[in-house]
Amino acid sequence: MTAPLYLTDEDVKATALSIGELADALVPAFRKRSEGVVMMPAKTGMYPTGSDAYFHSMPAFVPGVAAGVKWVAGSPSNSSRGLAHIHAHLILSDDETGETKAVIEAGYLTGLRTAALSLLAARSLANPEAKRLGFIGSGFQAQTHLQAFAEEFSLHQVAIYGPRPQSVRAFENYVADHFGLETVSCSHAEEVLALSDIVVTTVPAHRDLEGFLDAGALPEGAFVSMVDLGRSWKATTVGEFDRCMTDDLEQSKALAHNNAAFSGMSFSGDLSGLLVGKVEGRRNASERIAFLFPGVALADIVAGNMILDRVQAMPLR
């Protein structure tokens, strides 16, 4: 038996996998999901009493690609400890023999796959003429989502709101240095909503967090990617969205009892439905559409397999 490879976040970065490439590769996987051949139990979680730590397990089997499980653990308090919010690893197995092919650090991988899911949704649900991108939150997920949307939309402005001025300034510099786009630093979150055609919310979980974003403040035609599971949105205003989509209906329905935003939404469909034509994409220029999603393990499996293939194809150093 060949020993499995161990890949670090730096190894993952070195493959230069683009978010657009990953989004393209996810299309056949979601089509297989619609055919019922992808196995993907809903993610499970443990939340210790008296702590804000959490532990998630996300398994999936994608025939012709791989099987595996992503273990995600973290704590919103980690920033005060000088640690990353999230720590994750993906164990990747051969889909026929079960042989472990790789163990991959999945922090950077998770950023790529989450942005790829948002991009897949936006291809069908955002206004194709969108030029203004807004962020509530300015961390790593904001960076990967900027990469994703800048690849496929003719952006000219990025509006930013975040509670930590230092993080906002760092993100502004990132936008300017890597994309040369105009930035607007907003003192209130509602300013971002009013200034944006596409909004990405990436607010970390916190025990005392209450929804503060009003969907009614969005302009007509806005598309929102709720990377933060909708925790930053007022539950009383989500009815302002004309439609809400998710990445996988089966999993989102299973998780609804643990999430107020999920239970308050009526999902119109998911990515599989969109990609096989069972669910309509954007129907008109004025629709306000939300993409509320917990992330799916099938996307981690596809991303991990692509990364492994690229690493194995690299010349030995």
C-alpha atoms as a PDB file:
ATOM      1  CA  MET A   1       0.000   0.000   0.000  1.00  0.00           C
ATOM      2  CA  THR A   2       1.319   3.419  -0.950  1.00  0.00           C
ATOM      3  CA  ALA A   3       1.533   5.852   1.928  1.00  0.00           C
ATOM      4  CA  PRO A   4      -0.993   8.696   1.563  1.00  0.00           C
ATOM      5  CA  LEU A   5       0.338  12.127   0.764  1.00  0.00           C
ATOM      6  CA  TYR A   6       0.086  14.875   3.355  1.00  0.00           C
ATOM      7  CA  LEU A   7      -0.564  18.245   1.744  1.00  0.00           C
ATOM      8  CA  THR A   8      -0.335  21.556   3.583  1.00  0.00           C
ATOM      9  CA  ASP A   9      -2.182  24.764   2.825  1.00  0.00           C
ATOM     10  CA  GLU A  10       0.998  25.932   1.072  1.00  0.00           C
ATOM     11  CA  ASP A  11       0.916  22.839  -1.155  1.00  0.00           C
ATOM     12  CA  VAL A  12      -2.709  23.618  -1.998  1.00  0.00           C
ATOM     13  CA  LYS A  13      -1.847  27.233  -2.861  1.00  0.00           C
ATOM     14  CA  ALA A  14       1.045  26.085  -5.056  1.00  0.00           C
ATOM     15  CA  THR A  15      -1.359  24.254  -7.387  1.00  0.00           C
ATOM     16  CA  ALA A  16      -2.809  27.650  -8.412  1.00  0.00           C
ATOM     17  CA  LEU A  17      -6.274  26.129  -8.764  1.00  0.00           C
ATOM     18  CA  SER A  18      -8.581  28.958  -9.812  1.00  0.00           C
ATOM     19  CA  ILE A  19     -12.049  29.321  -8.373  1.00  0.00           C
ATOM     20  CA  GLY A  20     -13.560  29.434 -11.844  1.00  0.00           C
ATOM     21  CA  GLU A  21     -11.894  26.124 -12.745  1.00  0.00           C
ATOM     22  CA  LEU A  22     -13.201  24.541  -9.584  1.00  0.00           C
ATOM     23  CA  ALA A  23     -16.714  25.871 -10.218  1.00  0.00           C
ATOM     24  CA  ASP A  24     -16.619  24.293 -13.694  1.00  0.00           C
ATOM     25  CA  ALA A  25     -15.517  20.953 -12.215  1.00  0.00           C
ATOM     26  CA  LEU A  26     -18.363  21.008  -9.686  1.00  0.00           C
ATOM     27  CA  VAL A  27     -21.021  21.024 -12.416  1.00  0.00           C
ATOM     28  CA  PRO A  28     -20.838  17.286 -13.236  1.00  0.00           C
ATOM     29  CA  ALA A  29     -20.683  16.430  -9.515  1.00  0.00           C
ATOM     30  CA  PHE A  30     -23.915  18.310  -8.827  1.00  0.00           C
ATOM     31  CA  ARG A  31     -25.515  16.664 -11.851  1.00  0.00           C
ATOM     32  CA  LYS A  32     -24.558  13.292 -10.389  1.00  0.00           C
ATOM     33  CA  ARG A  33     -26.118  14.443  -7.124  1.00  0.00           C
ATOM     34  CA  SER A  34     -29.385  15.125  -8.974  1.00  0.00           C
ATOM     35  CA  GLU A  35     -29.237  11.564 -10.351  1.00  0.00           C
ATOM     36  CA  GLY A  36     -28.943  10.172  -6.836  1.00  0.00           C
ATOM     37  CA  VAL A  37     -25.507   8.581  -7.282  1.00  0.00           C
ATOM     38  CA  VAL A  38     -23.583  10.958  -5.011  1.00  0.00           C
ATOM     39  CA  MET A  39     -23.831   9.913  -1.367  1.00  0.00           C
ATOM     40  CA  MET A  40     -23.675  12.839   1.031  1.00  0.00           C
ATOM     41  CA  PRO A  41     -25.097  12.555   4.548  1.00  0.00           C
ATOM     42  CA  ALA A  42     -25.847  15.905   6.156  1.00  0.00           C
ATOM     43  CA  LYS A  43     -22.948  17.377   8.091  1.00  0.00           C
ATOM     44  CA  THR A  44     -22.985  16.612  11.803  1.00  0.00           C
ATOM     45  CA  GLY A  45     -21.854  18.934  14.558  1.00  0.00           C
ATOM     46  CA  MET A  46     -20.798  18.961  18.201  1.00  0.00           C
ATOM     47  CA  TYR A  47     -21.086  22.133  20.291  1.00  0.00           C
ATOM     48  CA  PRO A  48     -19.664  21.718  23.822  1.00  0.00           C
ATOM     49  CA  THR A  49     -21.637  23.387  26.595  1.00  0.00           C
ATOM     50  CA  GLY A  50     -20.030  26.544  27.952  1.00  0.00           C
ATOM     51  CA  SER A  51     -17.761  26.956  24.941  1.00  0.00           C
ATOM     52  CA  ASP A  52     -17.990  28.607  21.541  1.00  0.00           C
ATOM     53  CA  ALA A  53     -15.915  25.821  19.980  1.00  0.00           C
ATOM     54  CA  TYR A  54     -17.520  23.592  17.367  1.00  0.00           C
ATOM     55  CA  PHE A  55     -16.619  20.352  15.579  1.00  0.00           C
ATOM     56  CA  HIS A  56     -18.117  19.328  12.234  1.00  0.00           C
ATOM     57  CA  SER A  57     -17.870  16.155  10.167  1.00  0.00           C
ATOM     58  CA  MET A  58     -18.678  16.270   6.441  1.00  0.00           C
ATOM     59  CA  PRO A  59     -18.563  12.986   4.446  1.00  0.00           C
ATOM     60  CA  ALA A  60     -19.305  12.360   0.772  1.00  0.00           C
ATOM     61  CA  PHE A  61     -18.860   9.755  -1.957  1.00  0.00           C
ATOM     62  CA  VAL A  62     -18.579  11.079  -5.522  1.00  0.00           C
ATOM     63  CA  PRO A  63     -18.340   8.148  -7.980  1.00  0.00           C
ATOM     64  CA  GLY A  64     -15.534   8.478 -10.481  1.00  0.00           C
ATOM     65  CA  VAL A  65     -13.823  11.067  -8.281  1.00  0.00           C
ATOM     66  CA  ALA A  66     -13.207  10.024  -4.671  1.00  0.00           C
ATOM     67  CA  ALA A  67     -14.755   9.493  -1.260  1.00  0.00           C
ATOM     68  CA  GLY A  68     -13.766  11.275   1.894  1.00  0.00           C
ATOM     69  CA  VAL A  69     -14.577  13.302   4.934  1.00  0.00           C
ATOM     70  CA  LYS A  70     -13.696  16.822   5.994  1.00  0.00           C
ATOM     71  CA  TRP A  71     -13.181  17.486   9.692  1.00  0.00           C
ATOM     72  CA  VAL A  72     -13.718  21.131  10.592  1.00  0.00           C
ATOM     73  CA  ALA A  73     -13.162  22.537  14.053  1.00  0.00           C
ATOM     74  CA  GLY A  74     -12.771  26.023  15.384  1.00  0.00           C
ATOM     75  CA  SER A  75     -13.828  28.830  17.680  1.00  0.00           C
ATOM     76  CA  PRO A  76     -14.736  32.491  17.095  1.00  0.00           C
ATOM     77  CA  SER A  77     -12.550  33.266  20.122  1.00  0.00           C
ATOM     78  CA  ASN A  78      -9.435  32.034  18.342  1.00  0.00           C
ATOM     79  CA  SER A  79      -8.555  35.491  17.062  1.00  0.00           C
ATOM     80  CA  SER A  80      -7.940  36.611  20.642  1.00  0.00           C
ATOM     81  CA  ARG A  81      -5.623  33.611  21.033  1.00  0.00           C
ATOM     82  CA  GLY A  82      -3.635  34.492  17.928  1.00  0.00           C
ATOM     83  CA  LEU A  83      -5.067  31.457  16.124  1.00  0.00           C
ATOM     84  CA  ALA A  84      -7.026  30.968  12.924  1.00  0.00           C
ATOM     85  CA  HIS A  85     -10.799  30.810  13.395  1.00  0.00           C
ATOM     86  CA  ILE A  86     -11.103  27.475  11.581  1.00  0.00           C
ATOM     87  CA  HIS A  87      -8.905  24.359  11.463  1.00  0.00           C
ATOM     88  CA  ALA A  88      -9.780  21.685   8.915  1.00  0.00           C
ATOM     89  CA  HIS A  89      -8.444  18.548   7.250  1.00  0.00           C
ATOM     90  CA  LEU A  90      -9.781  16.502   4.349  1.00  0.00           C
ATOM     91  CA  ILE A  91      -9.174  12.736   4.219  1.00  0.00           C
ATOM     92  CA  LEU A  92      -9.444  11.581   0.611  1.00  0.00           C
ATOM     93  CA  SER A  93     -10.006   7.914  -0.295  1.00  0.00           C
ATOM     94  CA  ASP A  94     -10.064   6.012  -3.575  1.00  0.00           C
ATOM     95  CA  ASP A  95     -13.714   5.618  -4.543  1.00  0.00           C
ATOM     96  CA  GLU A  96     -13.285   1.934  -5.507  1.00  0.00           C
ATOM     97  CA  THR A  97     -10.654   0.468  -3.165  1.00  0.00           C
ATOM     98  CA  GLY A  98     -11.062   2.720  -0.127  1.00  0.00           C
ATOM     99  CA  GLU A  99      -7.306   3.287  -0.060  1.00  0.00           C
ATOM    100  CA  THR A 100      -6.413   6.570   1.619  1.00  0.00           C
ATOM    101  CA  LYS A 101      -4.904   8.762  -1.077  1.00  0.00           C
ATOM    102  CA  ALA A 102      -4.209  11.959   0.825  1.00  0.00           C
ATOM    103  CA  VAL A 103      -4.704  13.963   3.980  1.00  0.00           C
ATOM    104  CA  ILE A 104      -5.035  17.612   3.032  1.00  0.00           C
ATOM    105  CA  GLU A 105      -5.010  20.682   5.229  1.00  0.00           C
ATOM    106  CA  ALA A 106      -8.335  22.220   4.298  1.00  0.00           C
ATOM    107  CA  GLY A 107      -8.266  25.822   5.469  1.00  0.00           C
ATOM    108  CA  TYR A 108      -7.311  27.304   2.106  1.00  0.00           C
ATOM    109  CA  LEU A 109      -9.223  24.557   0.280  1.00  0.00           C
ATOM    110  CA  THR A 110     -12.402  25.494   2.149  1.00  0.00           C
ATOM    111  CA  GLY A 111     -12.014  29.113   1.066  1.00  0.00           C
ATOM    112  CA  LEU A 112     -11.707  28.024  -2.568  1.00  0.00           C
ATOM    113  CA  ARG A 113     -14.648  25.637  -2.525  1.00  0.00           C
ATOM    114  CA  THR A 114     -16.957  28.037  -0.676  1.00  0.00           C
ATOM    115  CA  ALA A 115     -16.273  30.790  -3.200  1.00  0.00           C
ATOM    116  CA  ALA A 116     -16.752  28.293  -6.029  1.00  0.00           C
ATOM    117  CA  LEU A 117     -20.212  27.412  -4.669  1.00  0.00           C
ATOM    118  CA  SER A 118     -21.107  31.118  -4.506  1.00  0.00           C
ATOM    119  CA  LEU A 119     -19.850  31.599  -8.050  1.00  0.00           C
ATOM    120  CA  LEU A 120     -21.880  28.646  -9.343  1.00  0.00           C
ATOM    121  CA  ALA A 121     -24.998  30.165  -7.806  1.00  0.00           C
ATOM    122  CA  ALA A 122     -24.184  33.648  -9.086  1.00  0.00           C
ATOM    123  CA  ARG A 123     -23.783  32.397 -12.659  1.00  0.00           C
ATOM    124  CA  SER A 124     -27.495  31.578 -12.659  1.00  0.00           C
ATOM    125  CA  LEU A 125     -28.899  33.976 -10.076  1.00  0.00           C
ATOM    126  CA  ALA A 126     -26.941  37.254 -10.118  1.00  0.00           C
ATOM    127  CA  ASN A 127     -27.538  40.028 -12.623  1.00  0.00           C
ATOM    128  CA  PRO A 128     -24.954  39.355 -15.373  1.00  0.00           C
ATOM    129  CA  GLU A 129     -24.412  43.112 -15.633  1.00  0.00           C
ATOM    130  CA  ALA A 130     -23.525  43.426 -11.932  1.00  0.00           C
ATOM    131  CA  LYS A 131     -20.704  45.909 -11.390  1.00  0.00           C
ATOM    132  CA  ARG A 132     -20.840  46.674  -7.665  1.00  0.00           C
ATOM    133  CA  LEU A 133     -19.707  44.108  -5.101  1.00  0.00           C
ATOM    134  CA  GLY A 134     -20.272  44.523  -1.361  1.00  0.00           C
ATOM    135  CA  PHE A 135     -18.819  42.739   1.658  1.00  0.00           C
ATOM    136  CA  ILE A 136     -20.072  42.498   5.208  1.00  0.00           C
ATOM    137  CA  GLY A 137     -16.915  41.093   6.755  1.00  0.00           C
ATOM    138  CA  SER A 138     -13.388  41.484   5.398  1.00  0.00           C
ATOM    139  CA  GLY A 139     -11.455  38.316   6.192  1.00  0.00           C
ATOM    140  CA  PHE A 140     -10.206  35.364   4.164  1.00  0.00           C
ATOM    141  CA  GLN A 141     -13.613  34.429   2.727  1.00  0.00           C
ATOM    142  CA  ALA A 142     -13.968  37.993   1.457  1.00  0.00           C
ATOM    143  CA  GLN A 143     -10.680  37.600  -0.400  1.00  0.00           C
ATOM    144  CA  THR A 144     -11.638  34.329  -2.084  1.00  0.00           C
ATOM    145  CA  HIS A 145     -15.076  35.653  -3.033  1.00  0.00           C
ATOM    146  CA  LEU A 146     -13.532  38.759  -4.536  1.00  0.00           C
ATOM    147  CA  GLN A 147     -11.287  36.501  -6.622  1.00  0.00           C
ATOM    148  CA  ALA A 148     -14.306  34.481  -7.750  1.00  0.00           C
ATOM    149  CA  PHE A 149     -16.536  37.378  -8.764  1.00  0.00           C
ATOM    150  CA  ALA A 150     -13.733  39.431 -10.323  1.00  0.00           C
ATOM    151  CA  GLU A 151     -13.080  36.506 -12.677  1.00  0.00           C
ATOM    152  CA  GLU A 152     -16.569  36.637 -14.190  1.00  0.00           C
ATOM    153  CA  PHE A 153     -18.168  40.028 -13.572  1.00  0.00           C
ATOM    154  CA  SER A 154     -17.086  43.443 -14.860  1.00  0.00           C
ATOM    155  CA  LEU A 155     -16.674  44.981 -11.427  1.00  0.00           C
ATOM    156  CA  HIS A 156     -15.762  48.615 -10.846  1.00  0.00           C
ATOM    157  CA  GLN A 157     -16.515  49.114  -7.139  1.00  0.00           C
ATOM    158  CA  VAL A 158     -16.140  47.185  -3.886  1.00  0.00           C
ATOM    159  CA  ALA A 159     -17.994  48.404  -0.780  1.00  0.00           C
ATOM    160  CA  ILE A 160     -16.782  47.085   2.594  1.00  0.00           C
ATOM    161  CA  TYR A 161     -18.087  47.061   6.145  1.00  0.00           C
ATOM    162  CA  GLY A 162     -16.480  45.323   9.105  1.00  0.00           C
ATOM    163  CA  PRO A 163     -16.231  45.818  12.862  1.00  0.00           C
ATOM    164  CA  ARG A 164     -12.420  45.868  12.884  1.00  0.00           C
ATOM    165  CA  PRO A 165     -10.891  48.884  11.083  1.00  0.00           C
ATOM    166  CA  GLN A 166      -7.521  47.158  10.732  1.00  0.00           C
ATOM    167  CA  SER A 167      -9.076  44.211   8.896  1.00  0.00           C
ATOM    168  CA  VAL A 168     -11.078  46.546   6.637  1.00  0.00           C
ATOM    169  CA  ARG A 169      -7.939  48.523   5.732  1.00  0.00           C
ATOM    170  CA  ALA A 170      -6.045  45.323   4.983  1.00  0.00           C
ATOM    171  CA  PHE A 171      -8.839  44.171   2.680  1.00  0.00           C
ATOM    172  CA  GLU A 172      -8.965  47.565   0.965  1.00  0.00           C
ATOM    173  CA  ASN A 173      -5.238  47.247   0.262  1.00  0.00           C
ATOM    174  CA  TYR A 174      -5.774  43.731  -1.062  1.00  0.00           C
ATOM    175  CA  VAL A 175      -8.500  44.959  -3.430  1.00  0.00           C
ATOM    176  CA  ALA A 176      -6.311  47.794  -4.708  1.00  0.00           C
ATOM    177  CA  ASP A 177      -3.090  45.793  -5.011  1.00  0.00           C
ATOM    178  CA  HIS A 178      -4.551  42.723  -6.716  1.00  0.00           C
ATOM    179  CA  PHE A 179      -7.512  44.065  -8.666  1.00  0.00           C
ATOM    180  CA  GLY A 180      -7.147  47.836  -8.958  1.00  0.00           C
ATOM    181  CA  LEU A 181     -10.798  48.384  -8.083  1.00  0.00           C
ATOM    182  CA  GLU A 182     -12.327  51.404  -6.367  1.00  0.00           C
ATOM    183  CA  THR A 183     -13.168  50.721  -2.721  1.00  0.00           C
ATOM    184  CA  VAL A 184     -15.761  52.358  -0.485  1.00  0.00           C
ATOM    185  CA  SER A 185     -15.243  51.901   3.263  1.00  0.00           C
ATOM    186  CA  CYS A 186     -18.681  52.118   4.887  1.00  0.00           C
ATOM    187  CA  SER A 187     -19.373  53.164   8.459  1.00  0.00           C
ATOM    188  CA  HIS A 188     -22.721  51.346   8.508  1.00  0.00           C
ATOM    189  CA  ALA A 189     -23.626  47.944   7.094  1.00  0.00           C
ATOM    190  CA  GLU A 190     -26.742  49.320   5.384  1.00  0.00           C
ATOM    191  CA  GLU A 191     -24.502  51.486   3.184  1.00  0.00           C
ATOM    192  CA  VAL A 192     -22.938  48.350   1.718  1.00  0.00           C
ATOM    193  CA  LEU A 193     -26.348  46.884   0.918  1.00  0.00           C
ATOM    194  CA  ALA A 194     -27.523  50.064  -0.807  1.00  0.00           C
ATOM    195  CA  LEU A 195     -24.332  50.294  -2.902  1.00  0.00           C
ATOM    196  CA  SER A 196     -24.148  46.687  -4.127  1.00  0.00           C
ATOM    197  CA  ASP A 197     -25.475  44.490  -6.913  1.00  0.00           C
ATOM    198  CA  ILE A 198     -23.848  41.444  -5.292  1.00  0.00           C
ATOM    199  CA  VAL A 199     -23.424  41.176  -1.512  1.00  0.00           C
ATOM    200  CA  VAL A 200     -21.305  38.626   0.364  1.00  0.00           C
ATOM    201  CA  THR A 201     -21.833  38.265   4.125  1.00  0.00           C
ATOM    202  CA  THR A 202     -19.087  36.481   6.063  1.00  0.00           C
ATOM    203  CA  VAL A 203     -19.786  37.380   9.699  1.00  0.00           C
ATOM    204  CA  PRO A 204     -18.243  34.829  12.126  1.00  0.00           C
ATOM    205  CA  ALA A 205     -20.423  32.994  14.607  1.00  0.00           C
ATOM    206  CA  HIS A 206     -20.614  34.398  18.114  1.00  0.00           C
ATOM    207  CA  ARG A 207     -22.834  33.546  21.054  1.00  0.00           C
ATOM    208  CA  ASP A 208     -24.102  37.119  21.384  1.00  0.00           C
ATOM    209  CA  LEU A 209     -24.532  37.833  17.678  1.00  0.00           C
ATOM    210  CA  GLU A 210     -27.995  38.979  16.593  1.00  0.00           C
ATOM    211  CA  GLY A 211     -29.052  39.576  13.009  1.00  0.00           C
ATOM    212  CA  PHE A 212     -28.509  43.199  12.014  1.00  0.00           C
ATOM    213  CA  LEU A 213     -28.913  43.294   8.224  1.00  0.00           C
ATOM    214  CA  ASP A 214     -32.254  44.328   6.715  1.00  0.00           C
ATOM    215  CA  ALA A 215     -33.017  42.649   3.401  1.00  0.00           C
ATOM    216  CA  GLY A 216     -35.350  45.544   2.606  1.00  0.00           C
ATOM    217  CA  ALA A 217     -32.312  47.815   2.257  1.00  0.00           C
ATOM    218  CA  LEU A 218     -31.099  45.917  -0.813  1.00  0.00           C
ATOM    219  CA  PRO A 219     -31.600  47.455  -4.246  1.00  0.00           C
ATOM    220  CA  GLU A 220     -33.796  45.695  -6.769  1.00  0.00           C
ATOM    221  CA  GLY A 221     -31.994  42.893  -8.577  1.00  0.00           C
ATOM    222  CA  ALA A 222     -29.482  42.211  -5.801  1.00  0.00           C
ATOM    223  CA  PHE A 223     -27.929  38.790  -5.283  1.00  0.00           C
ATOM    224  CA  VAL A 224     -26.690  37.850  -1.808  1.00  0.00           C
ATOM    225  CA  SER A 225     -24.324  35.025  -0.931  1.00  0.00           C
ATOM    226  CA  MET A 226     -24.829  34.199   2.756  1.00  0.00           C
ATOM    227  CA  VAL A 227     -21.512  32.536   3.512  1.00  0.00           C
ATOM    228  CA  ASP A 228     -22.247  33.083   7.211  1.00  0.00           C
ATOM    229  CA  LEU A 229     -25.347  30.847   7.165  1.00  0.00           C
ATOM    230  CA  GLY A 230     -27.558  33.920   7.302  1.00  0.00           C
ATOM    231  CA  ARG A 231     -26.628  34.693  10.902  1.00  0.00           C
ATOM    232  CA  SER A 232     -26.029  38.377  10.081  1.00  0.00           C
ATOM    233  CA  TRP A 233     -29.545  38.893   8.658  1.00  0.00           C
ATOM    234  CA  LYS A 234     -32.654  39.862  10.606  1.00  0.00           C
ATOM    235  CA  ALA A 235     -35.009  36.888  10.445  1.00  0.00           C
ATOM    236  CA  THR A 236     -37.981  39.263  10.262  1.00  0.00           C
ATOM    237  CA  THR A 237     -36.760  40.732   6.956  1.00  0.00           C
ATOM    238  CA  VAL A 238     -35.815  37.648   4.940  1.00  0.00           C
ATOM    239  CA  GLY A 239     -39.279  37.697   3.421  1.00  0.00           C
ATOM    240  CA  GLU A 240     -38.064  40.668   1.363  1.00  0.00           C
ATOM    241  CA  PHE A 241     -36.175  38.216  -0.858  1.00  0.00           C
ATOM    242  CA  ASP A 242     -38.139  37.060  -3.870  1.00  0.00           C
ATOM    243  CA  ARG A 243     -36.429  33.690  -3.723  1.00  0.00           C
ATOM    244  CA  CYS A 244     -33.886  31.846  -1.618  1.00  0.00           C
ATOM    245  CA  MET A 245     -31.704  29.047  -2.973  1.00  0.00           C
ATOM    246  CA  THR A 246     -29.292  26.689  -1.238  1.00  0.00           C
ATOM    247  CA  ASP A 247     -26.476  24.361  -2.257  1.00  0.00           C
ATOM    248  CA  ASP A 248     -28.238  21.096  -1.362  1.00  0.00           C
ATOM    249  CA  LEU A 249     -31.901  20.907  -0.355  1.00  0.00           C
ATOM    250  CA  GLU A 250     -31.615  17.579   1.447  1.00  0.00           C
ATOM    251  CA  GLN A 251     -28.817  18.763   3.719  1.00  0.00           C
ATOM    252  CA  SER A 252     -30.274  22.235   4.313  1.00  0.00           C
ATOM    253  CA  LYS A 253     -33.614  20.782   5.370  1.00  0.00           C
ATOM    254  CA  ALA A 254     -31.819  18.423   7.756  1.00  0.00           C
ATOM    255  CA  LEU A 255     -29.953  21.342   9.328  1.00  0.00           C
ATOM    256  CA  ALA A 256     -32.930  23.704   9.567  1.00  0.00           C
ATOM    257  CA  HIS A 257     -33.718  22.847  13.191  1.00  0.00           C
ATOM    258  CA  ASN A 258     -30.280  24.113  14.250  1.00  0.00           C
ATOM    259  CA  ASN A 259     -30.433  27.436  12.431  1.00  0.00           C
ATOM    260  CA  ALA A 260     -33.011  30.211  12.765  1.00  0.00           C
ATOM    261  CA  ALA A 261     -32.240  31.645   9.342  1.00  0.00           C
ATOM    262  CA  PHE A 262     -32.666  28.235   7.680  1.00  0.00           C
ATOM    263  CA  SER A 263     -35.994  27.576   9.386  1.00  0.00           C
ATOM    264  CA  GLY A 264     -37.200  31.048   8.396  1.00  0.00           C
ATOM    265  CA  MET A 265     -36.424  30.548   4.707  1.00  0.00           C
ATOM    266  CA  SER A 266     -38.479  28.719   2.136  1.00  0.00           C
ATOM    267  CA  PHE A 267     -35.974  27.309  -0.330  1.00  0.00           C
ATOM    268  CA  SER A 268     -36.922  27.456  -4.003  1.00  0.00           C
ATOM    269  CA  GLY A 269     -34.255  24.991  -5.087  1.00  0.00           C
ATOM    270  CA  ASP A 270     -30.588  24.099  -5.005  1.00  0.00           C
ATOM    271  CA  LEU A 271     -27.509  23.976  -7.215  1.00  0.00           C
ATOM    272  CA  SER A 272     -28.318  20.526  -8.600  1.00  0.00           C
ATOM    273  CA  GLY A 273     -31.752  21.744  -9.658  1.00  0.00           C
ATOM    274  CA  LEU A 274     -30.289  24.852 -11.268  1.00  0.00           C
ATOM    275  CA  LEU A 275     -27.617  22.920 -13.155  1.00  0.00           C
ATOM    276  CA  VAL A 276     -29.989  20.320 -14.620  1.00  0.00           C
ATOM    277  CA  GLY A 277     -32.686  22.856 -15.479  1.00  0.00           C
ATOM    278  CA  LYS A 278     -35.271  21.766 -12.914  1.00  0.00           C
ATOM    279  CA  VAL A 279     -35.105  25.171 -11.234  1.00  0.00           C
ATOM    280  CA  GLU A 280     -35.168  28.528 -13.019  1.00  0.00           C
ATOM    281  CA  GLY A 281     -32.268  30.906 -12.743  1.00  0.00           C
ATOM    282  CA  ARG A 282     -32.845  34.653 -12.481  1.00  0.00           C
ATOM    283  CA  ARG A 283     -36.276  35.388 -13.930  1.00  0.00           C
ATOM    284  CA  ASN A 284     -36.073  39.182 -14.223  1.00  0.00           C
ATOM    285  CA  ALA A 285     -33.828  42.142 -13.498  1.00  0.00           C
ATOM    286  CA  SER A 286     -35.628  43.153 -10.303  1.00  0.00           C
ATOM    287  CA  GLU A 287     -35.566  39.861  -8.356  1.00  0.00           C
ATOM    288  CA  ARG A 288     -33.775  39.947  -5.012  1.00  0.00           C
ATOM    289  CA  ILE A 289     -32.274  36.480  -4.564  1.00  0.00           C
ATOM    290  CA  ALA A 290     -30.498  34.964  -1.565  1.00  0.00           C
ATOM    291  CA  PHE A 291     -28.106  32.023  -1.626  1.00  0.00           C
ATOM    292  CA  LEU A 292     -28.131  30.598   1.909  1.00  0.00           C
ATOM    293  CA  PHE A 293     -25.844  27.587   2.136  1.00  0.00           C
ATOM    294  CA  PRO A 294     -23.926  25.513   4.692  1.00  0.00           C
ATOM    295  CA  GLY A 295     -21.358  24.154   2.239  1.00  0.00           C
ATOM    296  CA  VAL A 296     -21.345  20.644   0.803  1.00  0.00           C
ATOM    297  CA  ALA A 297     -18.801  17.868   1.189  1.00  0.00           C
ATOM    298  CA  LEU A 298     -19.060  16.884  -2.477  1.00  0.00           C
ATOM    299  CA  ALA A 299     -17.382  20.204  -3.314  1.00  0.00           C
ATOM    300  CA  ASP A 300     -14.549  19.488  -0.865  1.00  0.00           C
ATOM    301  CA  ILE A 301     -14.047  16.055  -2.426  1.00  0.00           C
ATOM    302  CA  VAL A 302     -13.880  17.456  -5.968  1.00  0.00           C
ATOM    303  CA  ALA A 303     -11.528  20.244  -4.901  1.00  0.00           C
ATOM    304  CA  GLY A 304      -9.292  17.874  -2.964  1.00  0.00           C
ATOM    305  CA  ASN A 305      -9.064  15.438  -5.875  1.00  0.00           C
ATOM    306  CA  MET A 306      -8.168  18.231  -8.316  1.00  0.00           C
ATOM    307  CA  ILE A 307      -5.475  19.471  -5.945  1.00  0.00           C
ATOM    308  CA  LEU A 308      -4.060  15.963  -5.479  1.00  0.00           C
ATOM    309  CA  ASP A 309      -3.937  15.401  -9.254  1.00  0.00           C
ATOM    310  CA  ARG A 310      -2.051  18.672  -9.734  1.00  0.00           C
ATOM    311  CA  VAL A 311       0.435  17.940  -6.967  1.00  0.00           C
ATOM    312  CA  GLN A 312       1.154  14.485  -8.393  1.00  0.00           C
ATOM    313  CA  ALA A 313       1.682  15.998 -11.853  1.00  0.00           C
ATOM    314  CA  MET A 314       4.259  18.497 -10.567  1.00  0.00           C
ATOM    315  CA  PRO A 315       7.945  17.760 -11.202  1.00  0.00           C
ATOM    316  CA  LEU A 316       9.822  16.455  -8.178  1.00  0.00           C
ATOM    317  CA  ARG A 317      11.689  19.158  -6.322  1.00  0.00           C
END
